[in-house]
Amino acid sequence: MEQKEQTYEQAMARLEQIASKLESGETGLDELSTLLKEAQELIADCKARLLKAETDINEILAEDGTR
């Protein structure tokens, strides 16, 4: 499932929606599979964003420390 460009916060909000739906226990097998695939993509996207932010912050702090 291709994700539209969205913010980290939007991706996290969607993950929360998916988790709530899964916890309800009222998800059919086909929908379960679709939701799990979407969640997997969202998690990967969020993880990549967090790692990039960490790298950017570390670079800024390293530059700041050398001046």
N, C-alpha and C. Protein backbone atom coordinates (compact mmCIF):
# COMPACT_ATOMS: atom_id res chain seq x y z
N MET A 1 0.85 -1.17 0.00
CA MET A 1 0.00 0.00 0.00
C MET A 1 0.90 1.24 0.00
N GLU A 2 0.71 2.09 -0.96
CA GLU A 2 1.54 3.27 -1.09
C GLU A 2 1.02 4.37 -0.17
N GLN A 3 1.94 4.94 0.62
CA GLN A 3 1.57 5.99 1.55
C GLN A 3 1.72 7.36 0.90
N LYS A 4 0.73 8.24 1.13
CA LYS A 4 0.85 9.61 0.70
C LYS A 4 1.84 10.31 1.61
N GLU A 5 2.43 11.39 1.13
CA GLU A 5 3.34 12.16 1.96
C GLU A 5 2.56 12.70 3.15
N GLN A 6 3.05 12.42 4.34
CA GLN A 6 2.38 12.87 5.54
C GLN A 6 3.42 13.18 6.60
N THR A 7 3.01 13.90 7.60
CA THR A 7 3.92 14.24 8.67
C THR A 7 4.08 13.05 9.61
N TYR A 8 5.09 13.13 10.44
CA TYR A 8 5.32 12.12 11.46
C TYR A 8 4.08 12.01 12.35
N GLU A 9 3.55 13.15 12.74
CA GLU A 9 2.39 13.17 13.63
C GLU A 9 1.17 12.52 12.98
N GLN A 10 0.98 12.76 11.69
CA GLN A 10 -0.15 12.13 10.98
C GLN A 10 0.04 10.62 10.91
N ALA A 11 1.26 10.19 10.67
CA ALA A 11 1.54 8.75 10.60
C ALA A 11 1.29 8.09 11.95
N MET A 12 1.71 8.76 13.03
CA MET A 12 1.48 8.20 14.37
C MET A 12 -0.01 8.16 14.70
N ALA A 13 -0.74 9.18 14.30
CA ALA A 13 -2.18 9.19 14.55
C ALA A 13 -2.85 8.04 13.80
N ARG A 14 -2.42 7.78 12.58
CA ARG A 14 -2.99 6.67 11.81
C ARG A 14 -2.64 5.34 12.47
N LEU A 15 -1.42 5.21 12.98
CA LEU A 15 -1.04 3.98 13.69
C LEU A 15 -1.93 3.77 14.91
N GLU A 16 -2.24 4.84 15.61
CA GLU A 16 -3.13 4.73 16.77
C GLU A 16 -4.53 4.28 16.35
N GLN A 17 -5.01 4.79 15.22
CA GLN A 17 -6.32 4.36 14.71
C GLN A 17 -6.30 2.87 14.38
N ILE A 18 -5.24 2.45 13.72
CA ILE A 18 -5.12 1.03 13.35
C ILE A 18 -5.08 0.16 14.60
N ALA A 19 -4.29 0.58 15.59
CA ALA A 19 -4.19 -0.20 16.83
C ALA A 19 -5.55 -0.32 17.52
N SER A 20 -6.28 0.77 17.57
CA SER A 20 -7.62 0.74 18.19
C SER A 20 -8.54 -0.22 17.46
N LYS A 21 -8.49 -0.17 16.14
CA LYS A 21 -9.34 -1.06 15.34
C LYS A 21 -8.98 -2.52 15.57
N LEU A 22 -7.67 -2.81 15.63
CA LEU A 22 -7.24 -4.18 15.86
C LEU A 22 -7.61 -4.65 17.26
N GLU A 23 -7.50 -3.76 18.24
CA GLU A 23 -7.83 -4.12 19.62
C GLU A 23 -9.31 -4.37 19.81
N SER A 24 -10.13 -3.80 18.94
CA SER A 24 -11.58 -3.99 19.07
C SER A 24 -11.98 -5.44 18.82
N GLY A 25 -11.14 -6.16 18.08
CA GLY A 25 -11.44 -7.57 17.79
C GLY A 25 -12.49 -7.78 16.73
N GLU A 26 -12.91 -6.71 16.10
CA GLU A 26 -13.98 -6.81 15.10
C GLU A 26 -13.45 -6.68 13.68
N THR A 27 -12.19 -6.99 13.50
CA THR A 27 -11.56 -6.86 12.19
C THR A 27 -11.56 -8.21 11.49
N GLY A 28 -12.06 -8.24 10.27
CA GLY A 28 -12.06 -9.47 9.48
C GLY A 28 -10.65 -9.79 8.98
N LEU A 29 -10.47 -10.98 8.51
CA LEU A 29 -9.16 -11.45 8.08
C LEU A 29 -8.58 -10.60 6.95
N ASP A 30 -9.38 -10.28 5.95
CA ASP A 30 -8.88 -9.47 4.83
C ASP A 30 -8.48 -8.08 5.31
N GLU A 31 -9.33 -7.48 6.13
CA GLU A 31 -9.03 -6.14 6.64
C GLU A 31 -7.82 -6.20 7.58
N LEU A 32 -7.70 -7.24 8.35
CA LEU A 32 -6.57 -7.42 9.25
C LEU A 32 -5.26 -7.40 8.47
N SER A 33 -5.22 -8.14 7.40
CA SER A 33 -4.02 -8.21 6.56
C SER A 33 -3.68 -6.84 5.99
N THR A 34 -4.68 -6.13 5.50
CA THR A 34 -4.48 -4.80 4.92
C THR A 34 -3.98 -3.82 5.98
N LEU A 35 -4.60 -3.85 7.16
CA LEU A 35 -4.21 -2.94 8.23
C LEU A 35 -2.79 -3.22 8.72
N LEU A 36 -2.44 -4.50 8.82
CA LEU A 36 -1.09 -4.85 9.27
C LEU A 36 -0.03 -4.39 8.26
N LYS A 37 -0.31 -4.52 6.98
CA LYS A 37 0.62 -4.05 5.96
C LYS A 37 0.78 -2.54 6.03
N GLU A 38 -0.34 -1.84 6.20
CA GLU A 38 -0.28 -0.37 6.31
C GLU A 38 0.51 0.03 7.56
N ALA A 39 0.26 -0.64 8.66
CA ALA A 39 0.97 -0.34 9.90
C ALA A 39 2.47 -0.58 9.74
N GLN A 40 2.82 -1.65 9.07
CA GLN A 40 4.24 -1.96 8.85
C GLN A 40 4.92 -0.83 8.06
N GLU A 41 4.25 -0.33 7.04
CA GLU A 41 4.81 0.76 6.24
C GLU A 41 4.91 2.05 7.06
N LEU A 42 3.89 2.32 7.85
CA LEU A 42 3.91 3.52 8.69
C LEU A 42 5.03 3.46 9.73
N ILE A 43 5.21 2.30 10.33
CA ILE A 43 6.28 2.12 11.32
C ILE A 43 7.64 2.33 10.68
N ALA A 44 7.85 1.77 9.50
CA ALA A 44 9.12 1.95 8.80
C ALA A 44 9.37 3.42 8.48
N ASP A 45 8.32 4.12 8.04
CA ASP A 45 8.43 5.54 7.72
C ASP A 45 8.76 6.35 8.97
N CYS A 46 8.07 6.08 10.06
CA CYS A 46 8.32 6.81 11.31
C CYS A 46 9.74 6.55 11.82
N LYS A 47 10.16 5.30 11.74
CA LYS A 47 11.52 4.95 12.19
C LYS A 47 12.56 5.70 11.36
N ALA A 48 12.37 5.75 10.05
CA ALA A 48 13.31 6.46 9.18
C ALA A 48 13.34 7.95 9.51
N ARG A 49 12.18 8.52 9.77
CA ARG A 49 12.11 9.95 10.13
C ARG A 49 12.82 10.22 11.45
N LEU A 50 12.63 9.34 12.43
CA LEU A 50 13.29 9.51 13.71
C LEU A 50 14.81 9.39 13.58
N LEU A 51 15.26 8.43 12.80
CA LEU A 51 16.71 8.27 12.60
C LEU A 51 17.31 9.48 11.89
N LYS A 52 16.59 10.02 10.90
CA LYS A 52 17.07 11.21 10.20
C LYS A 52 17.12 12.41 11.14
N ALA A 53 16.09 12.57 11.94
CA ALA A 53 16.06 13.68 12.90
C ALA A 53 17.23 13.56 13.88
N GLU A 54 17.49 12.35 14.36
CA GLU A 54 18.60 12.12 15.29
C GLU A 54 19.93 12.48 14.63
N THR A 55 20.11 12.05 13.39
CA THR A 55 21.34 12.36 12.66
C THR A 55 21.50 13.87 12.48
N ASP A 56 20.42 14.53 12.07
CA ASP A 56 20.45 15.97 11.86
C ASP A 56 20.80 16.70 13.16
N ILE A 57 20.18 16.29 14.26
CA ILE A 57 20.44 16.94 15.55
C ILE A 57 21.88 16.73 15.97
N ASN A 58 22.38 15.51 15.81
CA ASN A 58 23.77 15.22 16.17
C ASN A 58 24.74 16.04 15.33
N GLU A 59 24.44 16.22 14.04
CA GLU A 59 25.31 17.04 13.19
C GLU A 59 25.29 18.50 13.64
N ILE A 60 24.12 19.01 13.96
CA ILE A 60 24.01 20.40 14.42
C ILE A 60 24.77 20.58 15.73
N LEU A 61 24.61 19.64 16.65
CA LEU A 61 25.31 19.73 17.94
C LEU A 61 26.83 19.61 17.75
N ALA A 62 27.25 18.77 16.83
CA ALA A 62 28.68 18.62 16.56
C ALA A 62 29.26 19.90 15.97
N GLU A 63 28.54 20.52 15.07
CA GLU A 63 28.99 21.78 14.47
C GLU A 63 29.03 22.87 15.53
N ASP A 64 28.04 22.88 16.37
CA ASP A 64 27.94 23.90 17.42
C ASP A 64 29.10 23.78 18.40
N GLY A 65 29.53 22.57 18.67
CA GLY A 65 30.60 22.34 19.61
C GLY A 65 31.98 22.70 19.08
N THR A 66 32.14 22.79 17.76
CA THR A 66 33.44 23.07 17.18
C THR A 66 33.65 24.55 16.91
N ARG A 67 32.62 25.35 17.09
CA ARG A 67 32.75 26.79 16.81
C ARG A 67 33.07 27.56 18.03
